[in-house]
Amino acid sequence: MLRIDMNKGSCDVLLPKGEFESRKAETQVTPPKSQTPWQEIYRDTVGDLSQGAVIELATKYQGIAKKLPRHNH
C-alpha cells in the first residue's frame, strides 16, 4: 500500500517492519551483460546513485582548478 500526500509532496510505502530486509535477502540482482565497451566502462567505474553516481577515479581531481596549472610552454 502507498500513502500519497499531495500537500507535502511525499509518497510513503506502508509495509510491516522487516519486509524490505526480507525481500532484499531473497532477491539476487545481476547487472545486464554489456553490449558496448562504453556500457562496460560505465558499469565498472561509476559508483552508486546514493554516492553521487560519479566516476570514482575522477573524485581525486575535484577542485583542481583552485590551483594554478603548471607552465608548459
PDB file of N, CA and C in Angstrom:
ATOM      1  N   MET A   1       0.839  -1.182   0.000  1.00  0.00           N
ATOM      2  CA  MET A   1       0.000   0.000   0.000  1.00  0.00           C
ATOM      3  C   MET A   1       0.881   1.242   0.000  1.00  0.00           C
ATOM      4  N   LEU A   2       0.363   2.297  -0.591  1.00  0.00           N
ATOM      5  CA  LEU A   2       1.075   3.567  -0.662  1.00  0.00           C
ATOM      6  C   LEU A   2       0.244   4.657   0.001  1.00  0.00           C
ATOM      7  N   ARG A   3       0.927   5.604   0.623  1.00  0.00           N
ATOM      8  CA  ARG A   3       0.261   6.794   1.143  1.00  0.00           C
ATOM      9  C   ARG A   3       0.864   7.973   0.398  1.00  0.00           C
ATOM     10  N   ILE A   4       0.035   8.666  -0.350  1.00  0.00           N
ATOM     11  CA  ILE A   4       0.482   9.823  -1.134  1.00  0.00           C
ATOM     12  C   ILE A   4      -0.109  11.076  -0.511  1.00  0.00           C
ATOM     13  N   ASP A   5       0.766  11.999  -0.156  1.00  0.00           N
ATOM     14  CA  ASP A   5       0.351  13.274   0.424  1.00  0.00           C
ATOM     15  C   ASP A   5       0.717  14.369  -0.562  1.00  0.00           C
ATOM     16  N   MET A   6      -0.285  14.891  -1.236  1.00  0.00           N
ATOM     17  CA  MET A   6      -0.051  15.901  -2.272  1.00  0.00           C
ATOM     18  C   MET A   6       0.426  17.226  -1.662  1.00  0.00           C
ATOM     19  N   ASN A   7      -0.023  17.555  -0.457  1.00  0.00           N
ATOM     20  CA  ASN A   7       0.393  18.806   0.171  1.00  0.00           C
ATOM     21  C   ASN A   7       1.867  18.780   0.553  1.00  0.00           C
ATOM     22  N   LYS A   8       2.334  17.643   1.082  1.00  0.00           N
ATOM     23  CA  LYS A   8       3.741  17.512   1.463  1.00  0.00           C
ATOM     24  C   LYS A   8       4.623  17.110   0.292  1.00  0.00           C
ATOM     25  N   GLY A   9       4.007  16.569  -0.752  1.00  0.00           N
ATOM     26  CA  GLY A   9       4.783  16.085  -1.893  1.00  0.00           C
ATOM     27  C   GLY A   9       5.536  14.808  -1.542  1.00  0.00           C
ATOM     28  N   SER A  10       4.872  13.924  -0.789  1.00  0.00           N
ATOM     29  CA  SER A  10       5.541  12.691  -0.380  1.00  0.00           C
ATOM     30  C   SER A  10       4.729  11.467  -0.778  1.00  0.00           C
ATOM     31  N   CYS A  11       5.439  10.360  -0.911  1.00  0.00           N
ATOM     32  CA  CYS A  11       4.835   9.073  -1.226  1.00  0.00           C
ATOM     33  C   CYS A  11       5.514   8.049  -0.316  1.00  0.00           C
ATOM     34  N   ASP A  12       4.737   7.441   0.573  1.00  0.00           N
ATOM     35  CA  ASP A  12       5.284   6.504   1.553  1.00  0.00           C
ATOM     36  C   ASP A  12       4.763   5.097   1.278  1.00  0.00           C
ATOM     37  N   VAL A  13       5.644   4.117   1.402  1.00  0.00           N
ATOM     38  CA  VAL A  13       5.262   2.720   1.282  1.00  0.00           C
ATOM     39  C   VAL A  13       4.869   2.233   2.666  1.00  0.00           C
ATOM     40  N   LEU A  14       3.702   1.617   2.766  1.00  0.00           N
ATOM     41  CA  LEU A  14       3.214   1.141   4.047  1.00  0.00           C
ATOM     42  C   LEU A  14       3.355  -0.376   4.102  1.00  0.00           C
ATOM     43  N   LEU A  15       4.487  -0.830   4.628  1.00  0.00           N
ATOM     44  CA  LEU A  15       4.768  -2.250   4.767  1.00  0.00           C
ATOM     45  C   LEU A  15       5.145  -2.542   6.210  1.00  0.00           C
ATOM     46  N   PRO A  16       4.934  -3.777   6.653  1.00  0.00           N
ATOM     47  CA  PRO A  16       5.352  -4.144   8.006  1.00  0.00           C
ATOM     48  C   PRO A  16       6.865  -4.031   8.167  1.00  0.00           C
ATOM     49  N   LYS A  17       7.313  -3.820   9.413  1.00  0.00           N
ATOM     50  CA  LYS A  17       8.751  -3.735   9.688  1.00  0.00           C
ATOM     51  C   LYS A  17       9.436  -5.022   9.255  1.00  0.00           C
ATOM     52  N   GLY A  18      10.605  -4.896   8.684  1.00  0.00           N
ATOM     53  CA  GLY A  18      11.372  -6.055   8.264  1.00  0.00           C
ATOM     54  C   GLY A  18      11.025  -6.564   6.885  1.00  0.00           C
ATOM     55  N   GLU A  19       9.984  -6.045   6.269  1.00  0.00           N
ATOM     56  CA  GLU A  19       9.576  -6.526   4.941  1.00  0.00           C
ATOM     57  C   GLU A  19      10.645  -6.209   3.894  1.00  0.00           C
ATOM     58  N   PHE A  20      11.201  -5.002   3.940  1.00  0.00           N
ATOM     59  CA  PHE A  20      12.246  -4.643   2.976  1.00  0.00           C
ATOM     60  C   PHE A  20      13.462  -5.545   3.123  1.00  0.00           C
ATOM     61  N   GLU A  21      13.878  -5.778   4.362  1.00  0.00           N
ATOM     62  CA  GLU A  21      15.048  -6.612   4.597  1.00  0.00           C
ATOM     63  C   GLU A  21      14.834  -8.040   4.098  1.00  0.00           C
ATOM     64  N   SER A  22      13.639  -8.599   4.366  1.00  0.00           N
ATOM     65  CA  SER A  22      13.387  -9.971   3.917  1.00  0.00           C
ATOM     66  C   SER A  22      13.337 -10.056   2.399  1.00  0.00           C
ATOM     67  N   ARG A  23      12.743  -9.076   1.754  1.00  0.00           N
ATOM     68  CA  ARG A  23      12.704  -9.069   0.284  1.00  0.00           C
ATOM     69  C   ARG A  23      14.101  -8.896  -0.303  1.00  0.00           C
ATOM     70  N   LYS A  24      14.893  -8.039   0.330  1.00  0.00           N
ATOM     71  CA  LYS A  24      16.252  -7.803  -0.142  1.00  0.00           C
ATOM     72  C   LYS A  24      17.099  -9.071  -0.020  1.00  0.00           C
ATOM     73  N   ALA A  25      16.908  -9.812   1.064  1.00  0.00           N
ATOM     74  CA  ALA A  25      17.657 -11.050   1.269  1.00  0.00           C
ATOM     75  C   ALA A  25      17.274 -12.118   0.243  1.00  0.00           C
ATOM     76  N   GLU A  26      16.030 -12.116  -0.187  1.00  0.00           N
ATOM     77  CA  GLU A  26      15.543 -13.111  -1.145  1.00  0.00           C
ATOM     78  C   GLU A  26      15.909 -12.774  -2.590  1.00  0.00           C
ATOM     79  N   THR A  27      16.198 -11.508  -2.866  1.00  0.00           N
ATOM     80  CA  THR A  27      16.418 -11.053  -4.232  1.00  0.00           C
ATOM     81  C   THR A  27      17.902 -11.042  -4.573  1.00  0.00           C
ATOM     82  N   GLN A  28      18.221 -11.586  -5.722  1.00  0.00           N
ATOM     83  CA  GLN A  28      19.598 -11.512  -6.223  1.00  0.00           C
ATOM     84  C   GLN A  28      19.571 -10.709  -7.522  1.00  0.00           C
ATOM     85  N   VAL A  29      20.252  -9.582  -7.495  1.00  0.00           N
ATOM     86  CA  VAL A  29      20.281  -8.696  -8.650  1.00  0.00           C
ATOM     87  C   VAL A  29      21.591  -8.903  -9.392  1.00  0.00           C
ATOM     88  N   THR A  30      21.487  -9.180 -10.680  1.00  0.00           N
ATOM     89  CA  THR A  30      22.678  -9.289 -11.516  1.00  0.00           C
ATOM     90  C   THR A  30      22.578  -8.229 -12.609  1.00  0.00           C
ATOM     91  N   PRO A  31      23.635  -7.464 -12.798  1.00  0.00           N
ATOM     92  CA  PRO A  31      23.584  -6.432 -13.837  1.00  0.00           C
ATOM     93  C   PRO A  31      23.489  -7.060 -15.219  1.00  0.00           C
ATOM     94  N   PRO A  32      22.858  -6.365 -16.154  1.00  0.00           N
ATOM     95  CA  PRO A  32      22.760  -6.907 -17.509  1.00  0.00           C
ATOM     96  C   PRO A  32      24.132  -6.984 -18.172  1.00  0.00           C
ATOM     97  N   LYS A  33      24.265  -7.859 -19.133  1.00  0.00           N
ATOM     98  CA  LYS A  33      25.514  -8.007 -19.877  1.00  0.00           C
ATOM     99  C   LYS A  33      25.747  -6.753 -20.720  1.00  0.00           C
ATOM    100  N   SER A  34      26.970  -6.257 -20.725  1.00  0.00           N
ATOM    101  CA  SER A  34      27.301  -5.062 -21.508  1.00  0.00           C
ATOM    102  C   SER A  34      27.250  -5.384 -22.991  1.00  0.00           C
ATOM    103  N   GLN A  35      26.645  -4.485 -23.749  1.00  0.00           N
ATOM    104  CA  GLN A  35      26.541  -4.646 -25.195  1.00  0.00           C
ATOM    105  C   GLN A  35      27.557  -3.787 -25.935  1.00  0.00           C
ATOM    106  N   THR A  36      28.144  -2.822 -25.238  1.00  0.00           N
ATOM    107  CA  THR A  36      29.156  -1.952 -25.847  1.00  0.00           C
ATOM    108  C   THR A  36      30.289  -1.753 -24.849  1.00  0.00           C
ATOM    109  N   PRO A  37      31.461  -1.360 -25.330  1.00  0.00           N
ATOM    110  CA  PRO A  37      32.551  -1.066 -24.388  1.00  0.00           C
ATOM    111  C   PRO A  37      32.205   0.087 -23.450  1.00  0.00           C
ATOM    112  N   TRP A  38      31.383   1.021 -23.920  1.00  0.00           N
ATOM    113  CA  TRP A  38      31.047   2.191 -23.101  1.00  0.00           C
ATOM    114  C   TRP A  38      30.172   1.779 -21.928  1.00  0.00           C
ATOM    115  N   GLN A  39      29.290   0.830 -22.130  1.00  0.00           N
ATOM    116  CA  GLN A  39      28.475   0.332 -21.021  1.00  0.00           C
ATOM    117  C   GLN A  39      29.359  -0.369 -19.984  1.00  0.00           C
ATOM    118  N   GLU A  40      30.314  -1.127 -20.445  1.00  0.00           N
ATOM    119  CA  GLU A  40      31.209  -1.829 -19.528  1.00  0.00           C
ATOM    120  C   GLU A  40      32.055  -0.846 -18.730  1.00  0.00           C
ATOM    121  N   ILE A  41      32.587   0.180 -19.404  1.00  0.00           N
ATOM    122  CA  ILE A  41      33.389   1.203 -18.721  1.00  0.00           C
ATOM    123  C   ILE A  41      32.534   1.922 -17.685  1.00  0.00           C
ATOM    124  N   TYR A  42      31.317   2.292 -18.045  1.00  0.00           N
ATOM    125  CA  TYR A  42      30.411   2.982 -17.128  1.00  0.00           C
ATOM    126  C   TYR A  42      30.136   2.121 -15.901  1.00  0.00           C
ATOM    127  N   ARG A  43      29.765   0.877 -16.134  1.00  0.00           N
ATOM    128  CA  ARG A  43      29.409  -0.017 -15.021  1.00  0.00           C
ATOM    129  C   ARG A  43      30.604  -0.334 -14.129  1.00  0.00           C
ATOM    130  N   ASP A  44      31.791  -0.331 -14.685  1.00  0.00           N
ATOM    131  CA  ASP A  44      32.992  -0.635 -13.903  1.00  0.00           C
ATOM    132  C   ASP A  44      33.520   0.563 -13.117  1.00  0.00           C
ATOM    133  N   THR A  45      33.221   1.791 -13.578  1.00  0.00           N
ATOM    134  CA  THR A  45      33.851   2.960 -12.962  1.00  0.00           C
ATOM    135  C   THR A  45      32.908   3.882 -12.209  1.00  0.00           C
ATOM    136  N   VAL A  46      31.613   3.859 -12.506  1.00  0.00           N
ATOM    137  CA  VAL A  46      30.679   4.790 -11.875  1.00  0.00           C
ATOM    138  C   VAL A  46      30.107   4.166 -10.604  1.00  0.00           C
ATOM    139  N   GLY A  47      30.080   4.959  -9.541  1.00  0.00           N
ATOM    140  CA  GLY A  47      29.583   4.487  -8.253  1.00  0.00           C
ATOM    141  C   GLY A  47      28.067   4.534  -8.169  1.00  0.00           C
ATOM    142  N   ASP A  48      27.539   4.240  -6.999  1.00  0.00           N
ATOM    143  CA  ASP A  48      26.109   4.209  -6.760  1.00  0.00           C
ATOM    144  C   ASP A  48      25.498   5.600  -6.797  1.00  0.00           C
ATOM    145  N   LEU A  49      24.208   5.647  -7.087  1.00  0.00           N
ATOM    146  CA  LEU A  49      23.487   6.915  -7.124  1.00  0.00           C
ATOM    147  C   LEU A  49      23.494   7.581  -5.750  1.00  0.00           C
ATOM    148  N   SER A  50      23.432   6.793  -4.700  1.00  0.00           N
ATOM    149  CA  SER A  50      23.433   7.350  -3.351  1.00  0.00           C
ATOM    150  C   SER A  50      24.748   8.060  -3.031  1.00  0.00           C
ATOM    151  N   GLN A  51      25.807   7.730  -3.763  1.00  0.00           N
ATOM    152  CA  GLN A  51      27.112   8.362  -3.575  1.00  0.00           C
ATOM    153  C   GLN A  51      27.394   9.416  -4.643  1.00  0.00           C
ATOM    154  N   GLY A  52      26.425   9.728  -5.479  1.00  0.00           N
ATOM    155  CA  GLY A  52      26.579  10.784  -6.473  1.00  0.00           C
ATOM    156  C   GLY A  52      26.679  10.296  -7.899  1.00  0.00           C
ATOM    157  N   ALA A  53      26.799   8.987  -8.122  1.00  0.00           N
ATOM    158  CA  ALA A  53      26.888   8.405  -9.462  1.00  0.00           C
ATOM    159  C   ALA A  53      27.960   9.099 -10.302  1.00  0.00           C
ATOM    160  N   VAL A  54      29.153   9.213  -9.735  1.00  0.00           N
ATOM    161  CA  VAL A  54      30.275   9.822 -10.439  1.00  0.00           C
ATOM    162  C   VAL A  54      31.325   8.763 -10.736  1.00  0.00           C
ATOM    163  N   ILE A  55      32.189   9.066 -11.684  1.00  0.00           N
ATOM    164  CA  ILE A  55      33.307   8.170 -11.974  1.00  0.00           C
ATOM    165  C   ILE A  55      34.224   8.221 -10.758  1.00  0.00           C
ATOM    166  N   GLU A  56      34.374   7.089 -10.096  1.00  0.00           N
ATOM    167  CA  GLU A  56      35.080   7.047  -8.812  1.00  0.00           C
ATOM    168  C   GLU A  56      36.514   7.565  -8.905  1.00  0.00           C
ATOM    169  N   LEU A  57      37.249   7.213  -9.948  1.00  0.00           N
ATOM    170  CA  LEU A  57      38.632   7.660 -10.041  1.00  0.00           C
ATOM    171  C   LEU A  57      38.746   9.149 -10.339  1.00  0.00           C
ATOM    172  N   ALA A  58      37.659   9.794 -10.748  1.00  0.00           N
ATOM    173  CA  ALA A  58      37.696  11.227 -11.043  1.00  0.00           C
ATOM    174  C   ALA A  58      37.536  12.086  -9.799  1.00  0.00           C
ATOM    175  N   THR A  59      37.081  11.498  -8.696  1.00  0.00           N
ATOM    176  CA  THR A  59      36.848  12.311  -7.499  1.00  0.00           C
ATOM    177  C   THR A  59      38.134  12.904  -6.931  1.00  0.00           C
ATOM    178  N   LYS A  60      39.265  12.256  -7.179  1.00  0.00           N
ATOM    179  CA  LYS A  60      40.517  12.821  -6.663  1.00  0.00           C
ATOM    180  C   LYS A  60      40.949  14.075  -7.427  1.00  0.00           C
ATOM    181  N   TYR A  61      40.306  14.379  -8.546  1.00  0.00           N
ATOM    182  CA  TYR A  61      40.633  15.568  -9.332  1.00  0.00           C
ATOM    183  C   TYR A  61      39.655  16.712  -9.106  1.00  0.00           C
ATOM    184  N   GLN A  62      38.717  16.543  -8.183  1.00  0.00           N
ATOM    185  CA  GLN A  62      37.780  17.624  -7.891  1.00  0.00           C
ATOM    186  C   GLN A  62      38.532  18.788  -7.267  1.00  0.00           C
ATOM    187  N   GLY A  63      38.199  19.981  -7.673  1.00  0.00           N
ATOM    188  CA  GLY A  63      38.842  21.172  -7.137  1.00  0.00           C
ATOM    189  C   GLY A  63      40.196  21.462  -7.743  1.00  0.00           C
ATOM    190  N   ILE A  64      40.521  20.841  -8.849  1.00  0.00           N
ATOM    191  CA  ILE A  64      41.839  21.019  -9.466  1.00  0.00           C
ATOM    192  C   ILE A  64      42.033  22.437 -10.002  1.00  0.00           C
ATOM    193  N   ALA A  65      40.931  23.130 -10.323  1.00  0.00           N
ATOM    194  CA  ALA A  65      41.033  24.482 -10.861  1.00  0.00           C
ATOM    195  C   ALA A  65      41.419  25.506  -9.793  1.00  0.00           C
ATOM    196  N   LYS A  66      41.380  25.129  -8.536  1.00  0.00           N
ATOM    197  CA  LYS A  66      41.754  26.050  -7.460  1.00  0.00           C
ATOM    198  C   LYS A  66      43.250  26.321  -7.443  1.00  0.00           C
ATOM    199  N   LYS A  67      44.027  25.425  -8.032  1.00  0.00           N
ATOM    200  CA  LYS A  67      45.472  25.557  -8.066  1.00  0.00           C
ATOM    201  C   LYS A  67      45.879  25.986  -9.487  1.00  0.00           C
ATOM    202  N   LEU A  68      46.826  26.902  -9.592  1.00  0.00           N
ATOM    203  CA  LEU A  68      47.272  27.351 -10.905  1.00  0.00           C
ATOM    204  C   LEU A  68      47.908  26.207 -11.660  1.00  0.00           C
ATOM    205  N   PRO A  69      47.628  26.073 -12.961  1.00  0.00           N
ATOM    206  CA  PRO A  69      48.231  24.993 -13.730  1.00  0.00           C
ATOM    207  C   PRO A  69      49.724  25.205 -13.928  1.00  0.00           C
ATOM    208  N   ARG A  70      50.435  24.140 -14.207  1.00  0.00           N
ATOM    209  CA  ARG A  70      51.878  24.270 -14.434  1.00  0.00           C
ATOM    210  C   ARG A  70      52.136  25.009 -15.742  1.00  0.00           C
ATOM    211  N   HIS A  71      53.260  25.671 -15.827  1.00  0.00           N
ATOM    212  CA  HIS A  71      53.643  26.372 -17.052  1.00  0.00           C
ATOM    213  C   HIS A  71      54.245  25.346 -18.015  1.00  0.00           C
ATOM    214  N   ASN A  72      53.594  25.128 -19.149  1.00  0.00           N
ATOM    215  CA  ASN A  72      54.058  24.075 -20.053  1.00  0.00           C
ATOM    216  C   ASN A  72      54.564  24.618 -21.394  1.00  0.00           C
ATOM    217  N   HIS A  73      54.926  25.905 -21.433  1.00  0.00           N
ATOM    218  CA  HIS A  73      55.477  26.449 -22.682  1.00  0.00           C
ATOM    219  C   HIS A  73      56.885  26.943 -22.486  1.00  0.00           C
TER     220      HIS A  73
END
